[in-house]
Protein backbone atom coordinates (compact mmCIF):
# COMPACT_ATOMS: atom_id res chain seq x y z
CA MET A 1 39.00 -42.27 -19.39
CA PRO A 2 38.46 -42.19 -23.13
CA ASP A 3 37.82 -38.91 -24.02
CA GLU A 4 34.27 -40.57 -25.03
CA HIS A 5 33.16 -41.22 -21.82
CA MET A 6 32.92 -37.65 -21.02
CA TYR A 7 30.16 -37.18 -23.37
CA VAL A 8 27.36 -39.38 -21.84
CA PRO A 9 23.91 -38.28 -22.39
CA TRP A 10 23.66 -36.27 -19.09
CA ASP A 11 19.75 -36.83 -18.64
CA ASP A 12 20.44 -40.67 -19.05
CA ALA A 13 23.93 -40.62 -16.70
CA THR A 14 24.11 -42.93 -13.19
CA ASP A 15 25.48 -40.17 -10.38
CA ALA A 16 28.72 -42.48 -11.04
CA GLN A 17 28.88 -41.37 -14.14
CA ARG A 18 28.26 -37.85 -13.95
CA LYS A 19 30.71 -37.53 -10.75
CA ALA A 20 33.29 -39.37 -12.73
CA VAL A 21 32.34 -36.68 -15.98
CA ILE A 22 32.95 -33.80 -13.56
CA GLU A 23 36.20 -34.92 -11.96
CA LEU A 24 37.90 -35.13 -15.06
CA TRP A 25 36.11 -31.59 -15.58
CA TRP A 26 38.24 -30.51 -13.11
CA VAL A 27 41.81 -31.86 -14.10
CA LYS A 28 41.28 -30.99 -18.03
CA ALA A 29 40.24 -27.31 -17.08
CA CYS A 30 42.43 -26.84 -14.09
CA PRO A 31 40.16 -23.49 -13.60
CA GLU A 32 41.81 -20.27 -11.19
CA PRO A 33 40.45 -20.93 -7.91
CA GLY A 34 37.89 -18.09 -7.30
CA SER A 35 37.58 -17.41 -11.23
CA ASP A 36 34.19 -17.80 -13.26
CA GLU A 37 35.30 -21.33 -14.32
CA PHE A 38 36.17 -22.47 -10.91
CA LEU A 39 32.62 -21.25 -9.95
CA ILE A 40 30.68 -23.09 -12.58
CA LEU A 41 32.65 -26.39 -11.66
CA GLN A 42 31.96 -26.19 -8.44
CA MET A 43 28.29 -25.55 -8.57
CA MET A 44 28.28 -28.56 -10.90
CA SER A 45 29.80 -30.85 -8.22
CA THR A 46 28.25 -32.70 -5.15
CA PRO A 47 29.45 -31.54 -1.78
CA ASP A 48 31.08 -35.57 -1.37
CA MET A 49 33.13 -34.75 -4.37
CA ARG A 50 35.20 -32.07 -1.64
CA HIS A 51 35.27 -29.06 -4.50
CA GLY A 52 33.52 -26.75 -1.72
CA ASP A 53 30.12 -25.49 -1.41
CA PRO A 54 28.05 -26.01 -4.50
CA GLN A 55 24.73 -24.07 -3.24
CA ALA A 56 27.71 -20.86 -2.36
CA ALA A 57 29.01 -21.42 -5.92
CA ARG A 58 25.85 -21.12 -7.24
CA LYS A 59 24.77 -18.05 -5.19
CA ALA A 60 27.98 -16.27 -6.09
CA LEU A 61 27.19 -16.98 -9.61
CA ILE A 62 24.64 -14.94 -9.46
CA GLU A 63 25.91 -12.06 -8.01
CA ARG A 64 28.26 -12.05 -10.65
CA GLY A 65 25.50 -12.26 -13.31
CA LEU A 66 26.34 -15.45 -15.24
CA LEU A 67 23.38 -17.53 -13.39
CA ASP A 68 19.51 -16.87 -13.94
CA PRO A 69 17.95 -17.52 -10.82
CA SER A 70 14.62 -17.98 -12.92
CA SER A 71 13.56 -21.25 -11.24
CA GLU A 72 14.26 -22.88 -8.40
CA GLN A 73 15.41 -26.56 -10.02
CA ARG A 74 17.37 -25.82 -12.74
CA SER A 75 18.73 -22.44 -13.35
CA ASN A 76 20.16 -21.22 -16.95
CA LEU A 77 22.90 -19.67 -17.43
CA THR A 78 22.86 -15.73 -18.82
CA GLU A 79 24.77 -15.33 -21.97
CA LYS A 80 27.51 -14.20 -20.12
CA GLY A 81 27.72 -17.49 -18.47
CA ARG A 82 27.61 -19.55 -21.15
CA ASP A 83 30.53 -17.36 -23.08
CA VAL A 84 32.37 -19.39 -19.84
CA PHE A 85 30.76 -22.25 -19.46
CA LEU A 86 31.98 -22.90 -24.05
CA SER A 87 35.81 -21.76 -22.52
CA LEU A 88 35.21 -24.28 -20.08
CA LEU A 89 34.01 -26.50 -22.59
CA ASP A 90 36.58 -26.11 -24.46
CA LYS A 91 39.57 -26.43 -22.01
CA VAL A 92 38.41 -29.47 -21.49
CA THR A 93 37.71 -31.05 -25.07
CA ARG A 94 40.78 -29.32 -26.18
CA GLU A 95 42.09 -31.71 -28.73
CA HIS A 96 46.01 -32.14 -28.67
CA ASP A 97 48.50 -32.92 -31.81
CA MET A 98 49.90 -35.53 -30.27
CA SER A 99 52.07 -35.76 -33.29
CA THR A 100 53.87 -32.80 -32.81
CA ALA A 101 53.89 -32.77 -28.69
CA GLU A 102 57.39 -33.67 -27.37
CA PRO A 103 58.17 -34.71 -24.39
CA THR A 104 59.76 -31.80 -22.34
CA PRO A 105 63.34 -32.62 -20.42
CA GLU A 106 61.27 -32.36 -16.97
CA GLY A 107 59.13 -35.08 -18.78
CA ILE A 108 61.54 -37.34 -20.09
CA LYS A 109 63.33 -36.82 -16.21
CA ARG A 110 59.69 -37.98 -14.95
CA HIS A 111 58.91 -40.78 -17.30
CA PRO A 112 62.42 -42.24 -18.81
CA PRO A 113 63.38 -42.99 -20.69
CA ASP A 114 61.72 -41.29 -23.76
CA GLY A 115 59.53 -38.85 -21.50
CA TYR A 116 56.07 -40.82 -22.70
CA PHE A 117 53.73 -42.33 -20.68
CA ARG A 118 52.38 -45.43 -21.73
CA THR A 119 49.53 -47.27 -20.11
CA ASP A 120 46.57 -50.27 -21.97
CA ALA A 121 44.63 -49.76 -18.96
CA PHE A 122 41.97 -47.95 -21.02
CA ASP A 123 39.75 -49.03 -23.44
CA GLU A 124 42.76 -49.42 -26.53
CA PRO A 125 46.71 -48.27 -24.99
CA VAL A 126 47.08 -45.00 -24.89
CA SER A 127 50.65 -43.07 -25.04
CA ALA A 128 51.24 -39.23 -24.22
CA PRO A 129 54.45 -36.94 -23.45
CA CYS A 130 55.16 -35.30 -20.68
CA THR A 131 54.77 -32.21 -20.93
CA CYS A 132 55.75 -30.37 -17.40
CA THR A 133 57.96 -28.25 -15.91
CA LYS A 134 60.46 -28.04 -13.27
CA ASP A 135 57.41 -25.97 -11.38
CA CYS A 136 55.42 -28.42 -11.21
CA PRO A 137 55.10 -30.27 -8.58
CA GLU A 138 56.57 -34.11 -7.91
CA TRP A 139 53.07 -35.90 -8.19
CA CYS A 140 51.47 -33.59 -10.96
CA GLU A 141 48.47 -34.45 -11.86
CA GLY A 142 47.57 -32.89 -15.03
CA ASP A 143 46.96 -29.55 -13.65
CA CYS A 144 49.51 -28.23 -15.86
CA GLY A 145 47.91 -29.55 -19.43
CA CYS A 146 50.52 -32.34 -19.34
CA ASP A 147 48.45 -35.18 -20.49
CA ALA A 148 50.69 -37.88 -19.57
CA CYS A 149 50.13 -37.28 -15.95
CA ALA A 150 46.60 -36.67 -16.28
CA ASN A 151 46.54 -40.48 -17.16
CA ARG A 152 48.16 -41.00 -15.01
CA LEU A 153 46.96 -40.01 -11.78
CA GLU A 154 43.59 -41.79 -13.91
CA VAL A 155 45.16 -44.74 -13.68
CA TYR A 156 47.12 -44.62 -10.43
CA ALA A 157 44.50 -42.69 -8.16
CA ALA A 158 41.68 -44.10 -9.35
CA PRO A 159 38.87 -46.17 -6.97
CA GLY A 160 40.17 -49.69 -6.96
CA SER A 161 43.17 -49.36 -8.66
CA VAL A 162 45.64 -51.91 -7.85
CA SER A 163 48.81 -50.12 -6.94
CA GLY A 164 49.60 -46.70 -6.66
CA GLU A 165 52.44 -45.21 -7.51
CA GLN A 166 52.44 -41.69 -4.95
C-alpha cells in the first residue's frame, strides 16, 4: 500500500480503510509488546484484527496516564500520550532515502540476485532493498524495519492475492 493511502481523512474513511491503515501502522512501527506504543495501536484496533483487547488497552493507557477518560465517546490523549503517539507516527511515516539504503548480505540471500524486492503490484513500481540480518525470521514481515519484506508481505499476504510466497 503506497504511503499516501495512510493519510485517509479518518472521519470519512470506511471501516476497511481504517483497518488497512492500522495494519500498516503495526507493520511499520513494530511496537514492543506491552509498550505504550503497542497499547495505543491495540486501542486503535478492533477485536477482529487480533491485536488484543482494545478496551483492556484503553484501561491500561488510562492507568499509565496516557489517556484522559474525560468522555465516554472519545478519550483524549494526555500530553504524555500525545508524545508517545507522535513518536509512533514518526516511526510509521519516516522517510527512507532509497538512494543510500543498501541491501545487506542477508538481504541479497533473501532477494537474489541483488537484494531488492521489486513489484508492480502497487500503483507505481516499487523497488526496495532488503536490510534483514541473520536474526530475522525466514519469513520476515518487515518488523525489523526492512521495507523490502514489508512490501513483500503486502503483496503476498494480502487478502485476495493470487499466490503466497510462504
